[in-house]
Amino acid sequence: MKRATEEQAKETRGLPGYDELKRKFELEYQVASELAAARKEAGLTQAEIATRMGTTQSVVSRIERGANISLETIARYADACGKRLELHVT
């Protein structure tokens, strides 16, 4: 998956909107990575998070891949991990 993303990035580099798209993907990756880390730190599986969120394991997997998720979903995921969502603008 990462290889495909890198190849897509090479193909789109220099095109109009590339920088904006790159920032979007980087932010989605960062959020997804932090959510997955919170789950692992809590010692929970994707299936357990899904149960706590009232969804399926496949949805949790998509969330952890950075699939266009809302702040509400991020907050629900954090809550399922026993964490609290905090937003910092720097």
PDB file of N, CA and C in Angstrom:
ATOM      1  N   MET A   1       0.829  -1.188   0.000  1.00  0.00           N
ATOM      2  CA  MET A   1       0.000   0.000   0.000  1.00  0.00           C
ATOM      3  C   MET A   1       0.870   1.246   0.000  1.00  0.00           C
ATOM      4  N   LYS A   2       1.906   1.262   0.852  1.00  0.00           N
ATOM      5  CA  LYS A   2       2.773   2.423   0.916  1.00  0.00           C
ATOM      6  C   LYS A   2       3.456   2.643  -0.426  1.00  0.00           C
ATOM      7  N   ARG A   3       3.862   1.564  -1.082  1.00  0.00           N
ATOM      8  CA  ARG A   3       4.534   1.674  -2.373  1.00  0.00           C
ATOM      9  C   ARG A   3       3.616   2.325  -3.408  1.00  0.00           C
ATOM     10  N   ALA A   4       2.355   1.922  -3.422  1.00  0.00           N
ATOM     11  CA  ALA A   4       1.394   2.512  -4.361  1.00  0.00           C
ATOM     12  C   ALA A   4       1.235   3.998  -4.082  1.00  0.00           C
ATOM     13  N   THR A   5       1.180   4.369  -2.811  1.00  0.00           N
ATOM     14  CA  THR A   5       1.047   5.771  -2.445  1.00  0.00           C
ATOM     15  C   THR A   5       2.261   6.561  -2.902  1.00  0.00           C
ATOM     16  N   GLU A   6       3.450   6.010  -2.730  1.00  0.00           N
ATOM     17  CA  GLU A   6       4.670   6.685  -3.167  1.00  0.00           C
ATOM     18  C   GLU A   6       4.676   6.861  -4.683  1.00  0.00           C
ATOM     19  N   GLU A   7       4.232   5.848  -5.410  1.00  0.00           N
ATOM     20  CA  GLU A   7       4.182   5.943  -6.869  1.00  0.00           C
ATOM     21  C   GLU A   7       3.172   6.994  -7.307  1.00  0.00           C
ATOM     22  N   GLN A   8       2.030   7.046  -6.635  1.00  0.00           N
ATOM     23  CA  GLN A   8       1.029   8.057  -6.954  1.00  0.00           C
ATOM     24  C   GLN A   8       1.580   9.450  -6.676  1.00  0.00           C
ATOM     25  N   ALA A   9       2.327   9.589  -5.594  1.00  0.00           N
ATOM     26  CA  ALA A   9       2.907  10.885  -5.255  1.00  0.00           C
ATOM     27  C   ALA A   9       3.877  11.338  -6.334  1.00  0.00           C
ATOM     28  N   LYS A  10       4.693  10.415  -6.835  1.00  0.00           N
ATOM     29  CA  LYS A  10       5.643  10.755  -7.893  1.00  0.00           C
ATOM     30  C   LYS A  10       4.919  11.222  -9.148  1.00  0.00           C
ATOM     31  N   GLU A  11       3.796  10.554  -9.464  1.00  0.00           N
ATOM     32  CA  GLU A  11       3.038  10.901 -10.663  1.00  0.00           C
ATOM     33  C   GLU A  11       2.382  12.266 -10.550  1.00  0.00           C
ATOM     34  N   THR A  12       1.988  12.662  -9.353  1.00  0.00           N
ATOM     35  CA  THR A  12       1.256  13.918  -9.187  1.00  0.00           C
ATOM     36  C   THR A  12       2.139  15.089  -8.776  1.00  0.00           C
ATOM     37  N   ARG A  13       3.364  14.832  -8.392  1.00  0.00           N
ATOM     38  CA  ARG A  13       4.271  15.901  -7.975  1.00  0.00           C
ATOM     39  C   ARG A  13       4.375  16.938  -9.084  1.00  0.00           C
ATOM     40  N   GLY A  14       4.221  18.187  -8.713  1.00  0.00           N
ATOM     41  CA  GLY A  14       4.327  19.270  -9.674  1.00  0.00           C
ATOM     42  C   GLY A  14       2.999  19.668 -10.298  1.00  0.00           C
ATOM     43  N   LEU A  15       1.979  18.853 -10.141  1.00  0.00           N
ATOM     44  CA  LEU A  15       0.663  19.195 -10.672  1.00  0.00           C
ATOM     45  C   LEU A  15      -0.006  20.226  -9.768  1.00  0.00           C
ATOM     46  N   PRO A  16      -0.921  21.029 -10.320  1.00  0.00           N
ATOM     47  CA  PRO A  16      -1.645  21.995  -9.482  1.00  0.00           C
ATOM     48  C   PRO A  16      -2.371  21.274  -8.344  1.00  0.00           C
ATOM     49  N   GLY A  17      -2.273  21.817  -7.153  1.00  0.00           N
ATOM     50  CA  GLY A  17      -2.932  21.234  -5.996  1.00  0.00           C
ATOM     51  C   GLY A  17      -2.133  20.146  -5.295  1.00  0.00           C
ATOM     52  N   TYR A  18      -0.948  19.837  -5.812  1.00  0.00           N
ATOM     53  CA  TYR A  18      -0.138  18.759  -5.229  1.00  0.00           C
ATOM     54  C   TYR A  18       0.191  19.032  -3.761  1.00  0.00           C
ATOM     55  N   ASP A  19       0.664  20.245  -3.462  1.00  0.00           N
ATOM     56  CA  ASP A  19       1.074  20.555  -2.091  1.00  0.00           C
ATOM     57  C   ASP A  19      -0.094  20.432  -1.116  1.00  0.00           C
ATOM     58  N   GLU A  20      -1.261  20.893  -1.529  1.00  0.00           N
ATOM     59  CA  GLU A  20      -2.443  20.796  -0.674  1.00  0.00           C
ATOM     60  C   GLU A  20      -2.826  19.335  -0.441  1.00  0.00           C
ATOM     61  N   LEU A  21      -2.789  18.547  -1.490  1.00  0.00           N
ATOM     62  CA  LEU A  21      -3.114  17.128  -1.384  1.00  0.00           C
ATOM     63  C   LEU A  21      -2.098  16.402  -0.497  1.00  0.00           C
ATOM     64  N   LYS A  22      -0.833  16.765  -0.640  1.00  0.00           N
ATOM     65  CA  LYS A  22       0.219  16.150   0.173  1.00  0.00           C
ATOM     66  C   LYS A  22      -0.006  16.441   1.654  1.00  0.00           C
ATOM     67  N   ARG A  23      -0.330  17.703   1.978  1.00  0.00           N
ATOM     68  CA  ARG A  23      -0.594  18.062   3.377  1.00  0.00           C
ATOM     69  C   ARG A  23      -1.784  17.276   3.929  1.00  0.00           C
ATOM     70  N   LYS A  24      -2.818  17.118   3.103  1.00  0.00           N
ATOM     71  CA  LYS A  24      -4.008  16.370   3.518  1.00  0.00           C
ATOM     72  C   LYS A  24      -3.640  14.930   3.854  1.00  0.00           C
ATOM     73  N   PHE A  25      -2.883  14.276   2.979  1.00  0.00           N
ATOM     74  CA  PHE A  25      -2.484  12.892   3.218  1.00  0.00           C
ATOM     75  C   PHE A  25      -1.586  12.771   4.442  1.00  0.00           C
ATOM     76  N   GLU A  26      -0.681  13.726   4.618  1.00  0.00           N
ATOM     77  CA  GLU A  26       0.209  13.684   5.786  1.00  0.00           C
ATOM     78  C   GLU A  26      -0.583  13.811   7.083  1.00  0.00           C
ATOM     79  N   LEU A  27      -1.570  14.703   7.091  1.00  0.00           N
ATOM     80  CA  LEU A  27      -2.399  14.877   8.283  1.00  0.00           C
ATOM     81  C   LEU A  27      -3.217  13.619   8.559  1.00  0.00           C
ATOM     82  N   GLU A  28      -3.818  13.046   7.517  1.00  0.00           N
ATOM     83  CA  GLU A  28      -4.594  11.820   7.689  1.00  0.00           C
ATOM     84  C   GLU A  28      -3.713  10.692   8.220  1.00  0.00           C
ATOM     85  N   TYR A  29      -2.487  10.594   7.713  1.00  0.00           N
ATOM     86  CA  TYR A  29      -1.564   9.555   8.166  1.00  0.00           C
ATOM     87  C   TYR A  29      -1.198   9.764   9.635  1.00  0.00           C
ATOM     88  N   GLN A  30      -0.946  11.016  10.007  1.00  0.00           N
ATOM     89  CA  GLN A  30      -0.588  11.319  11.392  1.00  0.00           C
ATOM     90  C   GLN A  30      -1.726  10.947  12.340  1.00  0.00           C
ATOM     91  N   VAL A  31      -2.945  11.342  11.990  1.00  0.00           N
ATOM     92  CA  VAL A  31      -4.101  11.023  12.832  1.00  0.00           C
ATOM     93  C   VAL A  31      -4.266   9.511  12.951  1.00  0.00           C
ATOM     94  N   ALA A  32      -4.208   8.825  11.819  1.00  0.00           N
ATOM     95  CA  ALA A  32      -4.372   7.367  11.813  1.00  0.00           C
ATOM     96  C   ALA A  32      -3.303   6.689  12.667  1.00  0.00           C
ATOM     97  N   SER A  33      -2.073   7.148  12.551  1.00  0.00           N
ATOM     98  CA  SER A  33      -0.973   6.568  13.328  1.00  0.00           C
ATOM     99  C   SER A  33      -1.178   6.771  14.821  1.00  0.00           C
ATOM    100  N   GLU A  34      -1.624   7.966  15.201  1.00  0.00           N
ATOM    101  CA  GLU A  34      -1.852   8.244  16.617  1.00  0.00           C
ATOM    102  C   GLU A  34      -3.005   7.421  17.174  1.00  0.00           C
ATOM    103  N   LEU A  35      -4.048   7.232  16.369  1.00  0.00           N
ATOM    104  CA  LEU A  35      -5.170   6.416  16.829  1.00  0.00           C
ATOM    105  C   LEU A  35      -4.746   4.966  17.020  1.00  0.00           C
ATOM    106  N   ALA A  36      -4.029   4.424  16.057  1.00  0.00           N
ATOM    107  CA  ALA A  36      -3.563   3.038  16.168  1.00  0.00           C
ATOM    108  C   ALA A  36      -2.637   2.879  17.374  1.00  0.00           C
ATOM    109  N   ALA A  37      -1.777   3.869  17.609  1.00  0.00           N
ATOM    110  CA  ALA A  37      -0.872   3.813  18.759  1.00  0.00           C
ATOM    111  C   ALA A  37      -1.656   3.845  20.072  1.00  0.00           C
ATOM    112  N   ALA A  38      -2.709   4.659  20.128  1.00  0.00           N
ATOM    113  CA  ALA A  38      -3.540   4.730  21.337  1.00  0.00           C
ATOM    114  C   ALA A  38      -4.220   3.393  21.599  1.00  0.00           C
ATOM    115  N   ARG A  39      -4.691   2.747  20.534  1.00  0.00           N
ATOM    116  CA  ARG A  39      -5.336   1.439  20.679  1.00  0.00           C
ATOM    117  C   ARG A  39      -4.345   0.413  21.218  1.00  0.00           C
ATOM    118  N   LYS A  40      -3.162   0.394  20.627  1.00  0.00           N
ATOM    119  CA  LYS A  40      -2.149  -0.579  21.053  1.00  0.00           C
ATOM    120  C   LYS A  40      -1.701  -0.317  22.488  1.00  0.00           C
ATOM    121  N   GLU A  41      -1.556   0.959  22.837  1.00  0.00           N
ATOM    122  CA  GLU A  41      -1.171   1.327  24.203  1.00  0.00           C
ATOM    123  C   GLU A  41      -2.225   0.861  25.211  1.00  0.00           C
ATOM    124  N   ALA A  42      -3.488   0.905  24.796  1.00  0.00           N
ATOM    125  CA  ALA A  42      -4.579   0.458  25.662  1.00  0.00           C
ATOM    126  C   ALA A  42      -4.697  -1.065  25.695  1.00  0.00           C
ATOM    127  N   GLY A  43      -3.907  -1.744  24.854  1.00  0.00           N
ATOM    128  CA  GLY A  43      -3.931  -3.202  24.818  1.00  0.00           C
ATOM    129  C   GLY A  43      -5.195  -3.769  24.196  1.00  0.00           C
ATOM    130  N   LEU A  44      -5.764  -3.025  23.243  1.00  0.00           N
ATOM    131  CA  LEU A  44      -7.020  -3.431  22.617  1.00  0.00           C
ATOM    132  C   LEU A  44      -6.812  -3.850  21.169  1.00  0.00           C
ATOM    133  N   THR A  45      -7.679  -4.717  20.696  1.00  0.00           N
ATOM    134  CA  THR A  45      -7.661  -5.114  19.288  1.00  0.00           C
ATOM    135  C   THR A  45      -8.610  -4.209  18.504  1.00  0.00           C
ATOM    136  N   GLN A  46      -8.499  -4.266  17.186  1.00  0.00           N
ATOM    137  CA  GLN A  46      -9.436  -3.519  16.352  1.00  0.00           C
ATOM    138  C   GLN A  46     -10.868  -3.981  16.612  1.00  0.00           C
ATOM    139  N   ALA A  47     -11.052  -5.271  16.813  1.00  0.00           N
ATOM    140  CA  ALA A  47     -12.395  -5.806  17.069  1.00  0.00           C
ATOM    141  C   ALA A  47     -12.969  -5.257  18.379  1.00  0.00           C
ATOM    142  N   GLU A  48     -12.122  -5.131  19.395  1.00  0.00           N
ATOM    143  CA  GLU A  48     -12.589  -4.593  20.676  1.00  0.00           C
ATOM    144  C   GLU A  48     -12.966  -3.121  20.550  1.00  0.00           C
ATOM    145  N   ILE A  49     -12.164  -2.366  19.808  1.00  0.00           N
ATOM    146  CA  ILE A  49     -12.493  -0.957  19.561  1.00  0.00           C
ATOM    147  C   ILE A  49     -13.817  -0.871  18.814  1.00  0.00           C
ATOM    148  N   ALA A  50     -13.982  -1.722  17.814  1.00  0.00           N
ATOM    149  CA  ALA A  50     -15.216  -1.726  17.022  1.00  0.00           C
ATOM    150  C   ALA A  50     -16.431  -1.966  17.915  1.00  0.00           C
ATOM    151  N   THR A  51     -16.330  -2.928  18.806  1.00  0.00           N
ATOM    152  CA  THR A  51     -17.440  -3.224  19.719  1.00  0.00           C
ATOM    153  C   THR A  51     -17.754  -2.013  20.583  1.00  0.00           C
ATOM    154  N   ARG A  52     -16.728  -1.385  21.114  1.00  0.00           N
ATOM    155  CA  ARG A  52     -16.925  -0.207  21.967  1.00  0.00           C
ATOM    156  C   ARG A  52     -17.523   0.964  21.193  1.00  0.00           C
ATOM    157  N   MET A  53     -17.200   1.050  19.894  1.00  0.00           N
ATOM    158  CA  MET A  53     -17.723   2.138  19.058  1.00  0.00           C
ATOM    159  C   MET A  53     -19.083   1.798  18.460  1.00  0.00           C
ATOM    160  N   GLY A  54     -19.470   0.534  18.543  1.00  0.00           N
ATOM    161  CA  GLY A  54     -20.719   0.113  17.928  1.00  0.00           C
ATOM    162  C   GLY A  54     -20.623   0.029  16.417  1.00  0.00           C
ATOM    163  N   THR A  55     -19.468  -0.416  15.944  1.00  0.00           N
ATOM    164  CA  THR A  55     -19.239  -0.531  14.502  1.00  0.00           C
ATOM    165  C   THR A  55     -18.549  -1.865  14.222  1.00  0.00           C
ATOM    166  N   THR A  56     -17.966  -1.987  13.047  1.00  0.00           N
ATOM    167  CA  THR A  56     -17.297  -3.237  12.676  1.00  0.00           C
ATOM    168  C   THR A  56     -15.783  -3.070  12.682  1.00  0.00           C
ATOM    169  N   GLN A  57     -15.097  -4.201  12.728  1.00  0.00           N
ATOM    170  CA  GLN A  57     -13.633  -4.186  12.693  1.00  0.00           C
ATOM    171  C   GLN A  57     -13.140  -3.584  11.390  1.00  0.00           C
ATOM    172  N   SER A  58     -13.843  -3.806  10.292  1.00  0.00           N
ATOM    173  CA  SER A  58     -13.397  -3.259   9.004  1.00  0.00           C
ATOM    174  C   SER A  58     -13.458  -1.733   8.998  1.00  0.00           C
ATOM    175  N   VAL A  59     -14.428  -1.157   9.698  1.00  0.00           N
ATOM    176  CA  VAL A  59     -14.493   0.306   9.810  1.00  0.00           C
ATOM    177  C   VAL A  59     -13.302   0.812  10.619  1.00  0.00           C
ATOM    178  N   VAL A  60     -12.975   0.124  11.699  1.00  0.00           N
ATOM    179  CA  VAL A  60     -11.820   0.513  12.514  1.00  0.00           C
ATOM    180  C   VAL A  60     -10.545   0.422  11.683  1.00  0.00           C
ATOM    181  N   SER A  61     -10.427  -0.600  10.869  1.00  0.00           N
ATOM    182  CA  SER A  61      -9.269  -0.743   9.987  1.00  0.00           C
ATOM    183  C   SER A  61      -9.166   0.444   9.033  1.00  0.00           C
ATOM    184  N   ARG A  62     -10.287   0.854   8.464  1.00  0.00           N
ATOM    185  CA  ARG A  62     -10.284   2.020   7.555  1.00  0.00           C
ATOM    186  C   ARG A  62      -9.875   3.282   8.302  1.00  0.00           C
ATOM    187  N   ILE A  63     -10.360   3.432   9.529  1.00  0.00           N
ATOM    188  CA  ILE A  63      -9.984   4.592  10.340  1.00  0.00           C
ATOM    189  C   ILE A  63      -8.475   4.609  10.539  1.00  0.00           C
ATOM    190  N   GLU A  64      -7.897   3.454  10.848  1.00  0.00           N
ATOM    191  CA  GLU A  64      -6.458   3.367  11.094  1.00  0.00           C
ATOM    192  C   GLU A  64      -5.633   3.509   9.823  1.00  0.00           C
ATOM    193  N   ARG A  65      -6.248   3.441   8.682  1.00  0.00           N
ATOM    194  CA  ARG A  65      -5.552   3.697   7.412  1.00  0.00           C
ATOM    195  C   ARG A  65      -5.665   5.163   7.008  1.00  0.00           C
ATOM    196  N   GLY A  66      -6.388   5.959   7.806  1.00  0.00           N
ATOM    197  CA  GLY A  66      -6.507   7.382   7.522  1.00  0.00           C
ATOM    198  C   GLY A  66      -7.596   7.721   6.541  1.00  0.00           C
ATOM    199  N   ALA A  67      -8.567   6.853   6.387  1.00  0.00           N
ATOM    200  CA  ALA A  67      -9.659   7.091   5.449  1.00  0.00           C
ATOM    201  C   ALA A  67     -10.514   8.258   5.925  1.00  0.00           C
ATOM    202  N   ASN A  68     -10.511   9.328   5.216  1.00  0.00           N
ATOM    203  CA  ASN A  68     -11.347  10.513   5.392  1.00  0.00           C
ATOM    204  C   ASN A  68     -12.367  10.391   6.538  1.00  0.00           C
ATOM    205  N   ILE A  69     -11.921  10.651   7.761  1.00  0.00           N
ATOM    206  CA  ILE A  69     -12.781  10.470   8.924  1.00  0.00           C
ATOM    207  C   ILE A  69     -13.106  11.805   9.573  1.00  0.00           C
ATOM    208  N   SER A  70     -14.255  11.875  10.199  1.00  0.00           N
ATOM    209  CA  SER A  70     -14.710  13.112  10.833  1.00  0.00           C
ATOM    210  C   SER A  70     -14.113  13.253  12.234  1.00  0.00           C
ATOM    211  N   LEU A  71     -14.157  14.477  12.751  1.00  0.00           N
ATOM    212  CA  LEU A  71     -13.700  14.703  14.123  1.00  0.00           C
ATOM    213  C   LEU A  71     -14.550  13.905  15.108  1.00  0.00           C
ATOM    214  N   GLU A  72     -15.835  13.782  14.830  1.00  0.00           N
ATOM    215  CA  GLU A  72     -16.715  13.002  15.701  1.00  0.00           C
ATOM    216  C   GLU A  72     -16.246  11.546  15.774  1.00  0.00           C
ATOM    217  N   THR A  73     -15.884  10.978  14.630  1.00  0.00           N
ATOM    218  CA  THR A  73     -15.403   9.597  14.603  1.00  0.00           C
ATOM    219  C   THR A  73     -14.085   9.471  15.348  1.00  0.00           C
ATOM    220  N   ILE A  74     -13.201  10.436  15.161  1.00  0.00           N
ATOM    221  CA  ILE A  74     -11.917  10.425  15.869  1.00  0.00           C
ATOM    222  C   ILE A  74     -12.159  10.474  17.379  1.00  0.00           C
ATOM    223  N   ALA A  75     -13.083  11.328  17.810  1.00  0.00           N
ATOM    224  CA  ALA A  75     -13.393  11.446  19.237  1.00  0.00           C
ATOM    225  C   ALA A  75     -13.994  10.147  19.777  1.00  0.00           C
ATOM    226  N   ARG A  76     -14.876   9.506  19.012  1.00  0.00           N
ATOM    227  CA  ARG A  76     -15.467   8.227  19.432  1.00  0.00           C
ATOM    228  C   ARG A  76     -14.389   7.154  19.550  1.00  0.00           C
ATOM    229  N   TYR A  77     -13.459   7.144  18.598  1.00  0.00           N
ATOM    230  CA  TYR A  77     -12.362   6.170  18.622  1.00  0.00           C
ATOM    231  C   TYR A  77     -11.507   6.400  19.869  1.00  0.00           C
ATOM    232  N   ALA A  78     -11.143   7.661  20.113  1.00  0.00           N
ATOM    233  CA  ALA A  78     -10.330   7.983  21.290  1.00  0.00           C
ATOM    234  C   ALA A  78     -11.045   7.547  22.569  1.00  0.00           C
ATOM    235  N   ASP A  79     -12.337   7.817  22.650  1.00  0.00           N
ATOM    236  CA  ASP A  79     -13.127   7.420  23.814  1.00  0.00           C
ATOM    237  C   ASP A  79     -13.119   5.901  23.982  1.00  0.00           C
ATOM    238  N   ALA A  80     -13.221   5.177  22.885  1.00  0.00           N
ATOM    239  CA  ALA A  80     -13.197   3.708  22.929  1.00  0.00           C
ATOM    240  C   ALA A  80     -11.865   3.188  23.454  1.00  0.00           C
ATOM    241  N   CYS A  81     -10.809   3.982  23.280  1.00  0.00           N
ATOM    242  CA  CYS A  81      -9.476   3.616  23.784  1.00  0.00           C
ATOM    243  C   CYS A  81      -9.274   4.066  25.227  1.00  0.00           C
ATOM    244  N   GLY A  82     -10.272   4.773  25.769  1.00  0.00           N
ATOM    245  CA  GLY A  82     -10.128   5.318  27.116  1.00  0.00           C
ATOM    246  C   GLY A  82      -9.314   6.590  27.123  1.00  0.00           C
ATOM    247  N   LYS A  83      -9.248   7.240  25.970  1.00  0.00           N
ATOM    248  CA  LYS A  83      -8.477   8.476  25.817  1.00  0.00           C
ATOM    249  C   LYS A  83      -9.425   9.641  25.576  1.00  0.00           C
ATOM    250  N   ARG A  84      -8.860  10.832  25.547  1.00  0.00           N
ATOM    251  CA  ARG A  84      -9.613  12.045  25.280  1.00  0.00           C
ATOM    252  C   ARG A  84      -8.985  12.734  24.080  1.00  0.00           C
ATOM    253  N   LEU A  85      -9.810  13.217  23.173  1.00  0.00           N
ATOM    254  CA  LEU A  85      -9.311  13.919  21.998  1.00  0.00           C
ATOM    255  C   LEU A  85      -8.944  15.345  22.380  1.00  0.00           C
ATOM    256  N   GLU A  86      -7.724  15.750  22.053  1.00  0.00           N
ATOM    257  CA  GLU A  86      -7.276  17.124  22.242  1.00  0.00           C
ATOM    258  C   GLU A  86      -6.768  17.628  20.913  1.00  0.00           C
ATOM    259  N   LEU A  87      -7.077  18.861  20.600  1.00  0.00           N
ATOM    260  CA  LEU A  87      -6.643  19.460  19.345  1.00  0.00           C
ATOM    261  C   LEU A  87      -5.722  20.625  19.658  1.00  0.00           C
ATOM    262  N   HIS A  88      -4.551  20.616  19.054  1.00  0.00           N
ATOM    263  CA  HIS A  88      -3.580  21.693  19.244  1.00  0.00           C
ATOM    264  C   HIS A  88      -3.245  22.285  17.886  1.00  0.00           C
ATOM    265  N   VAL A  89      -3.342  23.590  17.784  1.00  0.00           N
ATOM    266  CA  VAL A  89      -2.976  24.261  16.547  1.00  0.00           C
ATOM    267  C   VAL A  89      -1.643  24.957  16.790  1.00  0.00           C
ATOM    268  N   THR A  90      -0.656  24.614  15.960  1.00  0.00           N
ATOM    269  CA  THR A  90       0.668  25.221  16.141  1.00  0.00           C
ATOM    270  C   THR A  90       1.080  25.971  14.908  1.00  0.00           C
TER     271      THR A  90
END
